Amino acid sequence: MIIRYSANTLVGQLSLPSSYVGLCTPEDLAELAALAHWQDHPEESPTFITVIHLQDVDGHDLGLFEVRCEQHPVFTASQLRQA
């Protein structure tokens, strides 16, 4: 399924399997659209807030969404050898 959206007024589209889209909430789709937008524009840094308009999802306009870019620290553990 082709999902047509705009991110910060720039048009884009995202191709996802229909079976997957059926399991997603509109918020999930907005987050995926924001991710796709910033992947399509690697020369730019993501803004803290990306306004996503899901214009065409299976023939329906799902409206506007505010997607926040929040980066969380990732912790990775590795066991140390005892001396």
PDB file of N, CA and C in Angstrom:
ATOM      1  N   MET A   1       0.850  -1.174   0.000  1.00  0.00           N
ATOM      2  CA  MET A   1       0.000   0.000   0.000  1.00  0.00           C
ATOM      3  C   MET A   1       0.899   1.242   0.000  1.00  0.00           C
ATOM      4  N   ILE A   2       0.532   2.210  -0.799  1.00  0.00           N
ATOM      5  CA  ILE A   2       1.245   3.484  -0.846  1.00  0.00           C
ATOM      6  C   ILE A   2       0.543   4.463   0.102  1.00  0.00           C
ATOM      7  N   ILE A   3       1.300   5.003   1.039  1.00  0.00           N
ATOM      8  CA  ILE A   3       0.776   6.004   1.963  1.00  0.00           C
ATOM      9  C   ILE A   3       1.335   7.352   1.536  1.00  0.00           C
ATOM     10  N   ARG A   4       0.449   8.285   1.257  1.00  0.00           N
ATOM     11  CA  ARG A   4       0.869   9.627   0.853  1.00  0.00           C
ATOM     12  C   ARG A   4       0.740  10.554   2.056  1.00  0.00           C
ATOM     13  N   TYR A   5       1.802  11.318   2.278  1.00  0.00           N
ATOM     14  CA  TYR A   5       1.842  12.182   3.452  1.00  0.00           C
ATOM     15  C   TYR A   5       2.593  13.457   3.120  1.00  0.00           C
ATOM     16  N   SER A   6       2.506  14.420   4.008  1.00  0.00           N
ATOM     17  CA  SER A   6       3.403  15.573   3.950  1.00  0.00           C
ATOM     18  C   SER A   6       4.043  15.693   5.328  1.00  0.00           C
ATOM     19  N   ALA A   7       5.312  16.073   5.308  1.00  0.00           N
ATOM     20  CA  ALA A   7       6.071  16.260   6.543  1.00  0.00           C
ATOM     21  C   ALA A   7       6.623  17.671   6.514  1.00  0.00           C
ATOM     22  N   ASN A   8       6.192  18.485   7.464  1.00  0.00           N
ATOM     23  CA  ASN A   8       6.586  19.905   7.468  1.00  0.00           C
ATOM     24  C   ASN A   8       6.338  20.526   6.100  1.00  0.00           C
ATOM     25  N   THR A   9       5.212  20.218   5.508  1.00  0.00           N
ATOM     26  CA  THR A   9       4.698  20.693   4.210  1.00  0.00           C
ATOM     27  C   THR A   9       5.399  20.089   2.990  1.00  0.00           C
ATOM     28  N   LEU A  10       6.396  19.223   3.161  1.00  0.00           N
ATOM     29  CA  LEU A  10       7.041  18.566   2.020  1.00  0.00           C
ATOM     30  C   LEU A  10       6.352  17.231   1.756  1.00  0.00           C
ATOM     31  N   VAL A  11       5.976  16.989   0.495  1.00  0.00           N
ATOM     32  CA  VAL A  11       5.243  15.776   0.148  1.00  0.00           C
ATOM     33  C   VAL A  11       6.164  14.559   0.111  1.00  0.00           C
ATOM     34  N   GLY A  12       5.592  13.432   0.492  1.00  0.00           N
ATOM     35  CA  GLY A  12       6.329  12.182   0.438  1.00  0.00           C
ATOM     36  C   GLY A  12       5.372  11.011   0.359  1.00  0.00           C
ATOM     37  N   GLN A  13       5.940   9.849   0.128  1.00  0.00           N
ATOM     38  CA  GLN A  13       5.124   8.645   0.137  1.00  0.00           C
ATOM     39  C   GLN A  13       5.927   7.495   0.714  1.00  0.00           C
ATOM     40  N   LEU A  14       5.194   6.535   1.243  1.00  0.00           N
ATOM     41  CA  LEU A  14       5.768   5.410   1.951  1.00  0.00           C
ATOM     42  C   LEU A  14       5.037   4.168   1.482  1.00  0.00           C
ATOM     43  N   SER A  15       5.787   3.140   1.155  1.00  0.00           N
ATOM     44  CA  SER A  15       5.189   1.886   0.705  1.00  0.00           C
ATOM     45  C   SER A  15       5.310   0.847   1.815  1.00  0.00           C
ATOM     46  N   LEU A  16       4.172   0.332   2.261  1.00  0.00           N
ATOM     47  CA  LEU A  16       4.127  -0.674   3.324  1.00  0.00           C
ATOM     48  C   LEU A  16       3.148  -1.780   2.928  1.00  0.00           C
ATOM     49  N   PRO A  17       3.396  -3.002   3.402  1.00  0.00           N
ATOM     50  CA  PRO A  17       2.428  -4.076   3.125  1.00  0.00           C
ATOM     51  C   PRO A  17       1.063  -3.755   3.755  1.00  0.00           C
ATOM     52  N   SER A  18       0.006  -4.032   3.040  1.00  0.00           N
ATOM     53  CA  SER A  18      -1.350  -3.750   3.534  1.00  0.00           C
ATOM     54  C   SER A  18      -1.627  -4.471   4.846  1.00  0.00           C
ATOM     55  N   SER A  19      -1.130  -5.696   4.974  1.00  0.00           N
ATOM     56  CA  SER A  19      -1.369  -6.451   6.209  1.00  0.00           C
ATOM     57  C   SER A  19      -0.718  -5.768   7.407  1.00  0.00           C
ATOM     58  N   TYR A  20       0.435  -5.133   7.178  1.00  0.00           N
ATOM     59  CA  TYR A  20       1.116  -4.412   8.257  1.00  0.00           C
ATOM     60  C   TYR A  20       0.369  -3.138   8.612  1.00  0.00           C
ATOM     61  N   VAL A  21      -0.069  -2.400   7.595  1.00  0.00           N
ATOM     62  CA  VAL A  21      -0.799  -1.149   7.813  1.00  0.00           C
ATOM     63  C   VAL A  21      -2.071  -1.417   8.623  1.00  0.00           C
ATOM     64  N   GLY A  22      -2.703  -2.555   8.388  1.00  0.00           N
ATOM     65  CA  GLY A  22      -3.919  -2.908   9.122  1.00  0.00           C
ATOM     66  C   GLY A  22      -3.685  -3.086  10.613  1.00  0.00           C
ATOM     67  N   LEU A  23      -2.449  -3.362  11.012  1.00  0.00           N
ATOM     68  CA  LEU A  23      -2.111  -3.549  12.429  1.00  0.00           C
ATOM     69  C   LEU A  23      -1.650  -2.261  13.104  1.00  0.00           C
ATOM     70  N   CYS A  24      -1.385  -1.227  12.325  1.00  0.00           N
ATOM     71  CA  CYS A  24      -0.835   0.035  12.847  1.00  0.00           C
ATOM     72  C   CYS A  24      -1.936   0.994  13.277  1.00  0.00           C
ATOM     73  N   THR A  25      -1.627   1.775  14.292  1.00  0.00           N
ATOM     74  CA  THR A  25      -2.499   2.886  14.658  1.00  0.00           C
ATOM     75  C   THR A  25      -2.127   4.071  13.757  1.00  0.00           C
ATOM     76  N   PRO A  26      -2.969   5.070  13.644  1.00  0.00           N
ATOM     77  CA  PRO A  26      -2.595   6.258  12.884  1.00  0.00           C
ATOM     78  C   PRO A  26      -1.313   6.899  13.426  1.00  0.00           C
ATOM     79  N   GLU A  27      -1.126   6.856  14.749  1.00  0.00           N
ATOM     80  CA  GLU A  27       0.089   7.420  15.348  1.00  0.00           C
ATOM     81  C   GLU A  27       1.326   6.641  14.899  1.00  0.00           C
ATOM     82  N   ASP A  28       1.206   5.313  14.817  1.00  0.00           N
ATOM     83  CA  ASP A  28       2.313   4.489  14.320  1.00  0.00           C
ATOM     84  C   ASP A  28       2.688   4.902  12.898  1.00  0.00           C
ATOM     85  N   LEU A  29       1.670   5.096  12.063  1.00  0.00           N
ATOM     86  CA  LEU A  29       1.913   5.483  10.666  1.00  0.00           C
ATOM     87  C   LEU A  29       2.553   6.864  10.581  1.00  0.00           C
ATOM     88  N   ALA A  30       2.139   7.782  11.449  1.00  0.00           N
ATOM     89  CA  ALA A  30       2.732   9.120  11.464  1.00  0.00           C
ATOM     90  C   ALA A  30       4.208   9.031  11.840  1.00  0.00           C
ATOM     91  N   GLU A  31       4.537   8.183  12.811  1.00  0.00           N
ATOM     92  CA  GLU A  31       5.941   8.006  13.200  1.00  0.00           C
ATOM     93  C   GLU A  31       6.755   7.410  12.057  1.00  0.00           C
ATOM     94  N   LEU A  32       6.183   6.424  11.359  1.00  0.00           N
ATOM     95  CA  LEU A  32       6.885   5.829  10.213  1.00  0.00           C
ATOM     96  C   LEU A  32       7.078   6.850   9.091  1.00  0.00           C
ATOM     97  N   ALA A  33       6.077   7.698   8.879  1.00  0.00           N
ATOM     98  CA  ALA A  33       6.192   8.733   7.848  1.00  0.00           C
ATOM     99  C   ALA A  33       7.283   9.739   8.214  1.00  0.00           C
ATOM    100  N   ALA A  34       7.364  10.109   9.488  1.00  0.00           N
ATOM    101  CA  ALA A  34       8.415  11.034   9.927  1.00  0.00           C
ATOM    102  C   ALA A  34       9.787  10.408   9.720  1.00  0.00           C
ATOM    103  N   LEU A  35       9.915   9.133  10.070  1.00  0.00           N
ATOM    104  CA  LEU A  35      11.182   8.431   9.862  1.00  0.00           C
ATOM    105  C   LEU A  35      11.549   8.407   8.388  1.00  0.00           C
ATOM    106  N   ALA A  36      10.584   8.079   7.539  1.00  0.00           N
ATOM    107  CA  ALA A  36      10.832   8.036   6.097  1.00  0.00           C
ATOM    108  C   ALA A  36      11.231   9.420   5.573  1.00  0.00           C
ATOM    109  N   HIS A  37      10.566  10.443   6.061  1.00  0.00           N
ATOM    110  CA  HIS A  37      10.884  11.809   5.629  1.00  0.00           C
ATOM    111  C   HIS A  37      12.336  12.153   5.927  1.00  0.00           C
ATOM    112  N   TRP A  38      12.776  11.893   7.164  1.00  0.00           N
ATOM    113  CA  TRP A  38      14.147  12.271   7.528  1.00  0.00           C
ATOM    114  C   TRP A  38      15.180  11.370   6.864  1.00  0.00           C
ATOM    115  N   GLN A  39      14.803  10.135   6.541  1.00  0.00           N
ATOM    116  CA  GLN A  39      15.706   9.271   5.770  1.00  0.00           C
ATOM    117  C   GLN A  39      15.836   9.774   4.339  1.00  0.00           C
ATOM    118  N   ASP A  40      14.774  10.342   3.806  1.00  0.00           N
ATOM    119  CA  ASP A  40      14.797  10.908   2.448  1.00  0.00           C
ATOM    120  C   ASP A  40      15.557  12.228   2.379  1.00  0.00           C
ATOM    121  N   HIS A  41      15.808  12.862   3.533  1.00  0.00           N
ATOM    122  CA  HIS A  41      16.501  14.151   3.593  1.00  0.00           C
ATOM    123  C   HIS A  41      17.689  14.062   4.561  1.00  0.00           C
ATOM    124  N   PRO A  42      18.676  13.219   4.240  1.00  0.00           N
ATOM    125  CA  PRO A  42      19.798  13.007   5.176  1.00  0.00           C
ATOM    126  C   PRO A  42      20.688  14.235   5.355  1.00  0.00           C
ATOM    127  N   GLU A  43      20.594  15.176   4.455  1.00  0.00           N
ATOM    128  CA  GLU A  43      21.417  16.383   4.556  1.00  0.00           C
ATOM    129  C   GLU A  43      20.899  17.337   5.629  1.00  0.00           C
ATOM    130  N   GLU A  44      19.704  17.073   6.119  1.00  0.00           N
ATOM    131  CA  GLU A  44      19.104  17.926   7.149  1.00  0.00           C
ATOM    132  C   GLU A  44      19.026  17.170   8.473  1.00  0.00           C
ATOM    133  N   SER A  45      19.129  17.890   9.562  1.00  0.00           N
ATOM    134  CA  SER A  45      18.955  17.293  10.882  1.00  0.00           C
ATOM    135  C   SER A  45      17.468  17.305  11.232  1.00  0.00           C
ATOM    136  N   PRO A  46      16.970  16.219  11.830  1.00  0.00           N
ATOM    137  CA  PRO A  46      15.545  16.202  12.208  1.00  0.00           C
ATOM    138  C   PRO A  46      15.209  17.327  13.180  1.00  0.00           C
ATOM    139  N   THR A  47      14.068  17.942  12.943  1.00  0.00           N
ATOM    140  CA  THR A  47      13.586  18.965  13.854  1.00  0.00           C
ATOM    141  C   THR A  47      12.988  18.275  15.077  1.00  0.00           C
ATOM    142  N   PHE A  48      12.887  18.989  16.190  1.00  0.00           N
ATOM    143  CA  PHE A  48      12.328  18.406  17.401  1.00  0.00           C
ATOM    144  C   PHE A  48      10.885  17.951  17.168  1.00  0.00           C
ATOM    145  N   ILE A  49      10.133  18.743  16.402  1.00  0.00           N
ATOM    146  CA  ILE A  49       8.753  18.388  16.065  1.00  0.00           C
ATOM    147  C   ILE A  49       8.614  18.373  14.551  1.00  0.00           C
ATOM    148  N   THR A  50       8.070  17.268  14.041  1.00  0.00           N
ATOM    149  CA  THR A  50       7.750  17.154  12.621  1.00  0.00           C
ATOM    150  C   THR A  50       6.233  17.056  12.522  1.00  0.00           C
ATOM    151  N   VAL A  51       5.642  17.930  11.728  1.00  0.00           N
ATOM    152  CA  VAL A  51       4.191  17.896  11.536  1.00  0.00           C
ATOM    153  C   VAL A  51       3.905  17.001  10.332  1.00  0.00           C
ATOM    154  N   ILE A  52       3.193  15.916  10.593  1.00  0.00           N
ATOM    155  CA  ILE A  52       2.859  14.938   9.560  1.00  0.00           C
ATOM    156  C   ILE A  52       1.370  15.031   9.244  1.00  0.00           C
ATOM    157  N   HIS A  53       1.077  15.116   7.955  1.00  0.00           N
ATOM    158  CA  HIS A  53      -0.314  15.043   7.499  1.00  0.00           C
ATOM    159  C   HIS A  53      -0.434  13.747   6.705  1.00  0.00           C
ATOM    160  N   LEU A  54      -1.170  12.786   7.245  1.00  0.00           N
ATOM    161  CA  LEU A  54      -1.416  11.524   6.537  1.00  0.00           C
ATOM    162  C   LEU A  54      -2.570  11.762   5.574  1.00  0.00           C
ATOM    163  N   GLN A  55      -2.215  12.142   4.357  1.00  0.00           N
ATOM    164  CA  GLN A  55      -3.207  12.588   3.389  1.00  0.00           C
ATOM    165  C   GLN A  55      -3.994  11.456   2.742  1.00  0.00           C
ATOM    166  N   ASP A  56      -3.318  10.318   2.503  1.00  0.00           N
ATOM    167  CA  ASP A  56      -4.004   9.216   1.822  1.00  0.00           C
ATOM    168  C   ASP A  56      -3.499   7.889   2.359  1.00  0.00           C
ATOM    169  N   VAL A  57      -4.285   7.288   3.215  1.00  0.00           N
ATOM    170  CA  VAL A  57      -4.008   5.943   3.731  1.00  0.00           C
ATOM    171  C   VAL A  57      -5.221   5.097   3.355  1.00  0.00           C
ATOM    172  N   ASP A  58      -5.058   4.285   2.337  1.00  0.00           N
ATOM    173  CA  ASP A  58      -6.153   3.448   1.834  1.00  0.00           C
ATOM    174  C   ASP A  58      -7.382   4.289   1.489  1.00  0.00           C
ATOM    175  N   GLY A  59      -7.137   5.451   0.884  1.00  0.00           N
ATOM    176  CA  GLY A  59      -8.227   6.332   0.461  1.00  0.00           C
ATOM    177  C   GLY A  59      -8.772   7.253   1.538  1.00  0.00           C
ATOM    178  N   HIS A  60      -8.162   7.260   2.723  1.00  0.00           N
ATOM    179  CA  HIS A  60      -8.653   8.091   3.824  1.00  0.00           C
ATOM    180  C   HIS A  60      -7.608   9.115   4.253  1.00  0.00           C
ATOM    181  N   ASP A  61      -8.072  10.312   4.556  1.00  0.00           N
ATOM    182  CA  ASP A  61      -7.227  11.358   5.134  1.00  0.00           C
ATOM    183  C   ASP A  61      -7.305  11.189   6.649  1.00  0.00           C
ATOM    184  N   LEU A  62      -6.161  10.820   7.263  1.00  0.00           N
ATOM    185  CA  LEU A  62      -6.166  10.572   8.708  1.00  0.00           C
ATOM    186  C   LEU A  62      -5.819  11.804   9.532  1.00  0.00           C
ATOM    187  N   GLY A  63      -5.548  12.935   8.867  1.00  0.00           N
ATOM    188  CA  GLY A  63      -5.332  14.179   9.588  1.00  0.00           C
ATOM    189  C   GLY A  63      -3.884  14.485   9.920  1.00  0.00           C
ATOM    190  N   LEU A  64      -3.731  15.449  10.835  1.00  0.00           N
ATOM    191  CA  LEU A  64      -2.417  15.968  11.221  1.00  0.00           C
ATOM    192  C   LEU A  64      -1.924  15.334  12.513  1.00  0.00           C
ATOM    193  N   PHE A  65      -0.605  15.152  12.579  1.00  0.00           N
ATOM    194  CA  PHE A  65       0.027  14.583  13.758  1.00  0.00           C
ATOM    195  C   PHE A  65       1.296  15.356  14.068  1.00  0.00           C
ATOM    196  N   GLU A  66       1.581  15.495  15.333  1.00  0.00           N
ATOM    197  CA  GLU A  66       2.833  16.090  15.792  1.00  0.00           C
ATOM    198  C   GLU A  66       3.731  14.934  16.225  1.00  0.00           C
ATOM    199  N   VAL A  67       4.856  14.777  15.543  1.00  0.00           N
ATOM    200  CA  VAL A  67       5.781  13.692  15.874  1.00  0.00           C
ATOM    201  C   VAL A  67       7.029  14.321  16.473  1.00  0.00           C
ATOM    202  N   ARG A  68       7.347  13.938  17.694  1.00  0.00           N
ATOM    203  CA  ARG A  68       8.517  14.483  18.395  1.00  0.00           C
ATOM    204  C   ARG A  68       9.722  13.575  18.199  1.00  0.00           C
ATOM    205  N   CYS A  69      10.855  14.201  18.022  1.00  0.00           N
ATOM    206  CA  CYS A  69      12.120  13.480  17.895  1.00  0.00           C
ATOM    207  C   CYS A  69      12.803  13.505  19.250  1.00  0.00           C
ATOM    208  N   GLU A  70      12.664  12.417  19.969  1.00  0.00           N
ATOM    209  CA  GLU A  70      13.267  12.331  21.302  1.00  0.00           C
ATOM    210  C   GLU A  70      14.292  11.211  21.276  1.00  0.00           C
ATOM    211  N   GLN A  71      15.516  11.554  21.565  1.00  0.00           N
ATOM    212  CA  GLN A  71      16.567  10.551  21.579  1.00  0.00           C
ATOM    213  C   GLN A  71      16.828  10.127  23.008  1.00  0.00           C
ATOM    214  N   HIS A  72      16.809   8.849  23.212  1.00  0.00           N
ATOM    215  CA  HIS A  72      17.035   8.283  24.535  1.00  0.00           C
ATOM    216  C   HIS A  72      18.405   7.603  24.552  1.00  0.00           C
ATOM    217  N   PRO A  73      19.109   7.669  25.670  1.00  0.00           N
ATOM    218  CA  PRO A  73      20.391   6.981  25.749  1.00  0.00           C
ATOM    219  C   PRO A  73      20.185   5.468  25.657  1.00  0.00           C
ATOM    220  N   VAL A  74      21.119   4.823  25.013  1.00  0.00           N
ATOM    221  CA  VAL A  74      21.082   3.374  24.900  1.00  0.00           C
ATOM    222  C   VAL A  74      22.225   2.821  25.731  1.00  0.00           C
ATOM    223  N   PHE A  75      21.925   1.879  26.607  1.00  0.00           N
ATOM    224  CA  PHE A  75      22.934   1.294  27.469  1.00  0.00           C
ATOM    225  C   PHE A  75      23.258  -0.107  26.989  1.00  0.00           C
ATOM    226  N   THR A  76      24.539  -0.412  26.873  1.00  0.00           N
ATOM    227  CA  THR A  76      24.995  -1.726  26.453  1.00  0.00           C
ATOM    228  C   THR A  76      25.971  -2.263  27.486  1.00  0.00           C
ATOM    229  N   ALA A  77      25.692  -3.457  27.987  1.00  0.00           N
ATOM    230  CA  ALA A  77      26.561  -4.048  29.015  1.00  0.00           C
ATOM    231  C   ALA A  77      27.423  -5.144  28.413  1.00  0.00           C
ATOM    232  N   SER A  78      28.623  -5.256  28.926  1.00  0.00           N
ATOM    233  CA  SER A  78      29.488  -6.398  28.593  1.00  0.00           C
ATOM    234  C   SER A  78      30.199  -6.816  29.870  1.00  0.00           C
ATOM    235  N   GLN A  79      30.295  -8.106  30.043  1.00  0.00           N
ATOM    236  CA  GLN A  79      30.884  -8.627  31.263  1.00  0.00           C
ATOM    237  C   GLN A  79      32.383  -8.399  31.269  1.00  0.00           C
ATOM    238  N   LEU A  80      32.905  -7.988  32.429  1.00  0.00           N
ATOM    239  CA  LEU A  80      34.339  -7.773  32.580  1.00  0.00           C
ATOM    240  C   LEU A  80      34.966  -8.999  33.229  1.00  0.00           C
ATOM    241  N   ARG A  81      36.189  -9.252  32.823  1.00  0.00           N
ATOM    242  CA  ARG A  81      36.934 -10.353  33.443  1.00  0.00           C
ATOM    243  C   ARG A  81      37.537  -9.868  34.758  1.00  0.00           C
ATOM    244  N   GLN A  82      37.486 -10.721  35.739  1.00  0.00           N
ATOM    245  CA  GLN A  82      38.074 -10.344  37.023  1.00  0.00           C
ATOM    246  C   GLN A  82      39.560 -10.653  37.005  1.00  0.00           C
ATOM    247  N   ALA A  83      40.346  -9.752  37.628  1.00  0.00           N
ATOM    248  CA  ALA A  83      41.799  -9.924  37.642  1.00  0.00           C
ATOM    249  C   ALA A  83      42.243 -10.937  38.662  1.00  0.00           C
TER     250      ALA A  83
END
